[in-house]
Each structure stands twice: as C-alpha cells, then as structure tokens.
C-alpha cells in the first residue's frame, strides 16, 4: 500500500508510508519486503543478485510469466511446486513436454493452472533450446541488455516499471521466438536477476548488487 491509514477527522493529506522499513534485526528493507517472512527472505538472499546460468534465467523468466496478473508472493509460495511440475525448469526437459503434460499441469492445484501461461512456458523452453544453435543461450541474450543505470532511488514510487532496455529486451525475445514477454515483465526480470539496480537508498542491499552470482 502507498499510504497508511489516517485517523478520522484529521485534516490534510494522509501520512505517507515509508518506502524503507527497518526490521527487528536492524536491517533496512523496501516496504514490499519488510513484513512478510517469505518476501523478506527472498529479498535478503536472492532478489537483485546476479543470475547468469541458462537454467536459472529460464526459471526466473517462467516465474515472471506466471506472475502476470497475480502477486509475486503467490508465485513465490508456489515455487517449489512449480519446480517439481516443470522438471526444475531444465529447458530441454520442458521443451519435450507434450499435450499430456499440459493436461497433467492443468490438474495440478499446487501451481497456477492457466493453459495459456503453461503453453507459453513450454514454447519458451523450445525457444531457449533453439537459441543455442546461434552460438548463444538465453542468459547471453538477456545479459546483453546491461548498461542502464538509475539515479539513487529514495522512494518506491520513483522505481520505473519498464525502461528502454526492458523494451529492447522484450523485442529481442519476441524476435527469438519467445511468447508473453512484455517490457514490464522484462523489467521485473532484469531487476530480479541483477541486470538493473533499483535497490532503494538506505536498504541493506543498496550498492551491493554483484556480491554473489546465483544459479
């Protein structure tokens, strides 16, 4: 939420909720990651840390695709189920899924049962495998769109939801045969895997992007 509740009868604009919140452990986090333990752990251990391996990038791309129209917490809570259902997001394995696998996934209540999204992930797995024939892989393609920087961001409202880089990445992915890859989803992916740094000033991960590389 953007604003905290205002007491009845108090004149003037409502008090603005802080964008950065200091937790009981003394660490400052953005508001979206400060209260929920699942989101807090994800922020602390993963969000914004570089992911450069093909499988890891394909997983994050697929999860961002499933997230469209839903909360990220919903997807994160189902992540283990997604990994089990989609062969740990190994591109070759998912690329080999058949109509029977689609039917199986549509019966799996532990994941998001959306046929269009399921079929898009399978299609994108095949596009990921096909990319290798060009001498590159999905990670190479995505990480080619580095170089964007943003001024030090002090409030969450200042964080964009897309950028010239994410629009260019979305276009490159579509040209490579990927589906359901728009600029907003691509920007979220770029934030999540460390291509762009949108950590707010004052948070404990601000200016620490690149401290680790994840798979």
Protein backbone atom coordinates (compact mmCIF):
# COMPACT_ATOMS: atom_id res chain seq x y z
CA UNK A 1 0.00 0.00 0.00
CA UNK A 2 1.14 3.55 -0.63
CA UNK A 3 -0.39 5.37 2.31
CA UNK A 4 -1.03 4.44 5.90
CA UNK A 5 -4.49 4.86 7.37
CA UNK A 6 -5.41 8.34 8.52
CA UNK A 7 -7.40 8.97 11.68
CA UNK A 8 -10.98 10.20 11.08
CA UNK A 9 -11.33 13.95 11.41
CA UNK A 10 -7.67 14.70 10.75
CA UNK A 11 -7.31 17.30 8.02
CA UNK A 12 -4.69 17.30 5.32
CA UNK A 13 -3.23 14.53 3.19
CA UNK A 14 -2.73 11.09 4.71
CA UNK A 15 0.68 10.31 6.12
CA UNK A 16 2.86 8.66 3.52
CA UNK A 17 4.10 5.19 4.38
CA UNK A 18 7.89 4.96 4.44
CA UNK A 19 9.45 3.23 1.46
CA UNK A 20 12.24 1.79 3.61
CA UNK A 21 11.50 0.00 6.87
CA UNK A 22 14.00 -1.15 9.48
CA UNK A 23 13.23 -4.66 10.72
CA UNK A 24 13.62 -6.15 14.18
CA UNK A 25 17.01 -7.46 13.04
CA UNK A 26 18.19 -3.90 12.38
CA UNK A 27 18.29 -4.32 8.59
CA UNK A 28 16.54 -1.82 6.35
CA UNK A 29 14.42 -3.19 3.51
CA UNK A 30 11.92 -1.80 1.00
CA UNK A 31 8.36 -1.86 2.33
CA UNK A 32 7.34 -4.71 0.00
CA UNK A 33 9.96 -6.96 1.59
CA UNK A 34 9.82 -5.77 5.18
CA UNK A 35 6.81 -7.51 6.68
CA UNK A 36 6.23 -10.90 5.10
CA UNK A 37 8.85 -13.54 6.06
CA UNK A 38 8.74 -15.19 2.63
CA UNK A 39 9.31 -11.91 0.78
CA UNK A 40 11.89 -10.80 3.32
CA UNK A 41 13.98 -13.95 2.85
CA UNK A 42 13.66 -13.70 -0.93
CA UNK A 43 14.87 -10.09 -0.86
CA UNK A 44 17.73 -10.81 1.53
CA UNK A 45 19.10 -13.88 -0.22
CA UNK A 46 18.17 -13.57 -3.88
CA UNK A 47 16.45 -10.51 -5.33
CA UNK A 48 18.88 -8.39 -7.31
CA UNK A 49 21.75 -10.87 -7.05
CA UNK A 50 23.14 -11.80 -10.49
CA UNK A 51 21.79 -14.97 -12.11
CA UNK A 52 23.82 -15.89 -15.18
CA UNK A 53 23.23 -19.58 -15.90
CA UNK A 54 20.73 -20.56 -18.58
CA UNK A 55 18.54 -22.73 -16.35
CA UNK A 56 18.37 -20.05 -13.68
CA UNK A 57 17.40 -17.34 -16.17
CA UNK A 58 14.80 -19.60 -17.78
CA UNK A 59 13.25 -20.32 -14.38
CA UNK A 60 13.02 -16.63 -13.48
CA UNK A 61 11.60 -15.78 -16.90
CA UNK A 62 8.97 -18.50 -16.50
CA UNK A 63 8.00 -17.42 -12.99
CA UNK A 64 7.68 -13.80 -14.09
CA UNK A 65 5.42 -15.00 -16.90
CA UNK A 66 3.21 -16.85 -14.42
CA UNK A 67 3.14 -13.81 -12.14
CA UNK A 68 1.31 -11.59 -14.64
CA UNK A 69 -1.97 -10.52 -13.04
CA UNK A 70 -1.04 -12.07 -9.69
CA UNK A 71 1.07 -11.08 -6.71
CA UNK A 72 4.71 -12.08 -6.63
CA UNK A 73 4.14 -13.61 -3.20
CA UNK A 74 1.61 -16.02 -4.71
CA UNK A 75 4.22 -17.24 -7.21
CA UNK A 76 7.00 -17.39 -4.64
CA UNK A 77 4.86 -19.52 -2.31
CA UNK A 78 4.30 -21.96 -5.18
CA UNK A 79 7.90 -22.00 -6.36
CA UNK A 80 8.76 -25.47 -5.09
CA UNK A 81 5.61 -26.84 -6.74
CA UNK A 82 6.48 -25.09 -10.00
CA UNK A 83 9.96 -26.62 -9.93
CA UNK A 84 8.54 -30.07 -9.35
CA UNK A 85 5.91 -29.68 -12.07
CA UNK A 86 8.31 -28.20 -14.64
CA UNK A 87 11.29 -30.56 -14.24
CA UNK A 88 13.25 -27.99 -12.22
CA UNK A 89 12.95 -25.70 -15.25
CA UNK A 90 15.59 -27.59 -17.21
CA UNK A 91 14.95 -26.18 -20.70
CA UNK A 92 15.48 -29.48 -22.57
CA UNK A 93 13.08 -31.33 -20.31
CA UNK A 94 10.35 -28.69 -20.52
CA UNK A 95 10.82 -28.41 -24.29
CA UNK A 96 9.93 -32.10 -24.56
CA UNK A 97 6.58 -31.67 -22.76
CA UNK A 98 3.59 -32.93 -24.73
CA UNK A 99 -0.15 -32.32 -24.69
CA UNK A 100 -0.35 -34.98 -21.98
CA UNK A 101 1.96 -32.87 -19.83
CA UNK A 102 -0.22 -29.82 -20.40
CA UNK A 103 -3.24 -31.84 -19.26
CA UNK A 104 -1.27 -33.02 -16.22
CA UNK A 105 -0.27 -29.48 -15.30
CA UNK A 106 -3.83 -28.23 -15.63
CA UNK A 107 -4.83 -30.74 -12.94
CA UNK A 108 -2.06 -29.63 -10.57
CA UNK A 109 -3.68 -27.39 -7.95
CA UNK A 110 -0.28 -26.54 -6.44
CA UNK A 111 0.65 -24.32 -9.40
CA UNK A 112 -1.15 -21.64 -11.43
CA UNK A 113 -3.46 -23.58 -13.74
CA UNK A 114 -3.59 -21.24 -16.69
CA UNK A 115 -3.39 -23.01 -20.04
CA UNK A 116 -2.03 -20.03 -21.97
CA UNK A 117 0.76 -19.48 -19.46
CA UNK A 118 1.63 -23.19 -19.26
CA UNK A 119 1.79 -23.49 -23.02
CA UNK A 120 3.88 -20.30 -23.25
CA UNK A 121 6.46 -21.69 -20.80
CA UNK A 122 6.75 -24.87 -22.86
CA UNK A 123 7.02 -22.84 -26.05
CA UNK A 124 9.70 -20.64 -24.44
CA UNK A 125 11.66 -23.72 -23.39
CA UNK A 126 11.79 -24.75 -27.03
CA UNK A 127 12.88 -21.24 -28.00
CA UNK A 128 15.59 -21.44 -25.32
CA UNK A 129 16.94 -24.68 -26.76
CA UNK A 130 16.77 -23.26 -30.29
CA UNK A 131 18.83 -20.24 -29.24
CA UNK A 132 21.84 -22.48 -28.72
CA UNK A 133 22.03 -23.02 -32.46
CA UNK A 134 23.05 -19.35 -32.78
CA UNK A 135 26.08 -19.90 -30.57
CA UNK A 136 24.47 -18.10 -27.62
CA UNK A 137 22.00 -19.06 -24.95
CA UNK A 138 19.14 -17.39 -23.09
CA UNK A 139 21.49 -15.94 -20.50
CA UNK A 140 23.68 -14.41 -23.21
CA UNK A 141 20.64 -12.82 -24.83
CA UNK A 142 19.21 -11.38 -21.61
CA UNK A 143 22.53 -10.16 -20.22
CA UNK A 144 23.28 -8.32 -23.45
CA UNK A 145 20.91 -5.62 -22.19
CA UNK A 146 23.11 -4.28 -19.40
CA UNK A 147 24.29 -0.73 -19.03
CA UNK A 148 21.18 1.05 -17.79
CA UNK A 149 21.59 2.92 -14.55
CA UNK A 150 19.15 4.86 -12.43
CA UNK A 151 19.74 7.76 -10.05
CA UNK A 152 19.77 6.80 -6.40
CA UNK A 153 16.15 5.91 -5.72
CA UNK A 154 14.82 7.14 -2.40
CA UNK A 155 11.14 6.18 -2.71
CA UNK A 156 9.36 3.20 -4.20
CA UNK A 157 7.20 5.46 -6.41
CA UNK A 158 10.35 6.53 -8.25
CA UNK A 159 11.15 2.99 -9.41
CA UNK A 160 10.04 2.61 -13.04
CA UNK A 161 8.09 -0.43 -14.18
CA UNK A 162 9.81 -0.53 -17.57
CA UNK A 163 12.73 1.09 -19.36
CA UNK A 164 14.24 1.45 -22.82
CA UNK A 165 16.36 -1.59 -22.00
CA UNK A 166 13.38 -3.73 -21.00
CA UNK A 167 11.51 -2.69 -24.14
CA UNK A 168 14.51 -3.66 -26.24
CA UNK A 169 14.86 -6.97 -24.38
CA UNK A 170 11.18 -7.77 -24.91
CA UNK A 171 11.57 -7.11 -28.61
CA UNK A 172 14.71 -9.28 -28.83
CA UNK A 173 12.98 -12.13 -27.02
CA UNK A 174 9.98 -11.93 -29.34
CA UNK A 175 12.28 -11.95 -32.35
CA UNK A 176 13.91 -15.07 -30.90
CA UNK A 177 10.50 -16.77 -30.77
CA UNK A 178 9.52 -16.22 -27.14
CA UNK A 179 5.91 -15.56 -26.12
CA UNK A 180 4.22 -13.40 -23.47
CA UNK A 181 7.35 -11.31 -22.89
CA UNK A 182 6.39 -7.65 -22.48
CA UNK A 183 8.54 -4.73 -21.30
CA UNK A 184 7.06 -4.65 -17.79
CA UNK A 185 7.69 -8.34 -17.23
CA UNK A 186 11.18 -7.99 -18.71
CA UNK A 187 11.99 -5.09 -16.37
CA UNK A 188 10.92 -7.17 -13.36
CA UNK A 189 13.18 -9.95 -14.63
CA UNK A 190 16.08 -7.53 -15.07
CA UNK A 191 15.64 -6.30 -11.50
CA UNK A 192 15.34 -9.80 -10.07
CA UNK A 193 18.48 -11.22 -11.71
CA UNK A 194 20.70 -8.20 -11.17
CA UNK A 195 20.84 -6.60 -14.61
CA UNK A 196 19.46 -3.31 -13.29
CA UNK A 197 19.88 -1.99 -9.77
CA UNK A 198 16.74 -0.50 -8.24
CA UNK A 199 17.61 -1.04 -4.59
CA UNK A 200 16.36 1.93 -2.60
CA UNK A 201 18.80 4.21 -0.83
CA UNK A 202 19.10 3.13 2.79
CA UNK A 203 18.28 -0.54 2.26
CA UNK A 204 20.92 -3.01 3.32
CA UNK A 205 21.45 -4.23 -0.26
CA UNK A 206 21.82 -0.79 -1.81
CA UNK A 207 25.05 -0.66 -3.85
CA UNK A 208 25.79 -4.31 -3.07
CA UNK A 209 24.47 -5.80 -6.32
CA UNK A 210 27.03 -8.21 -7.73
CA UNK A 211 28.07 -9.58 -4.36
CA UNK A 212 27.12 -13.09 -5.47
CA UNK A 213 26.19 -14.98 -8.58
CA UNK A 214 23.32 -17.44 -8.35
CA UNK A 215 22.13 -20.30 -10.46
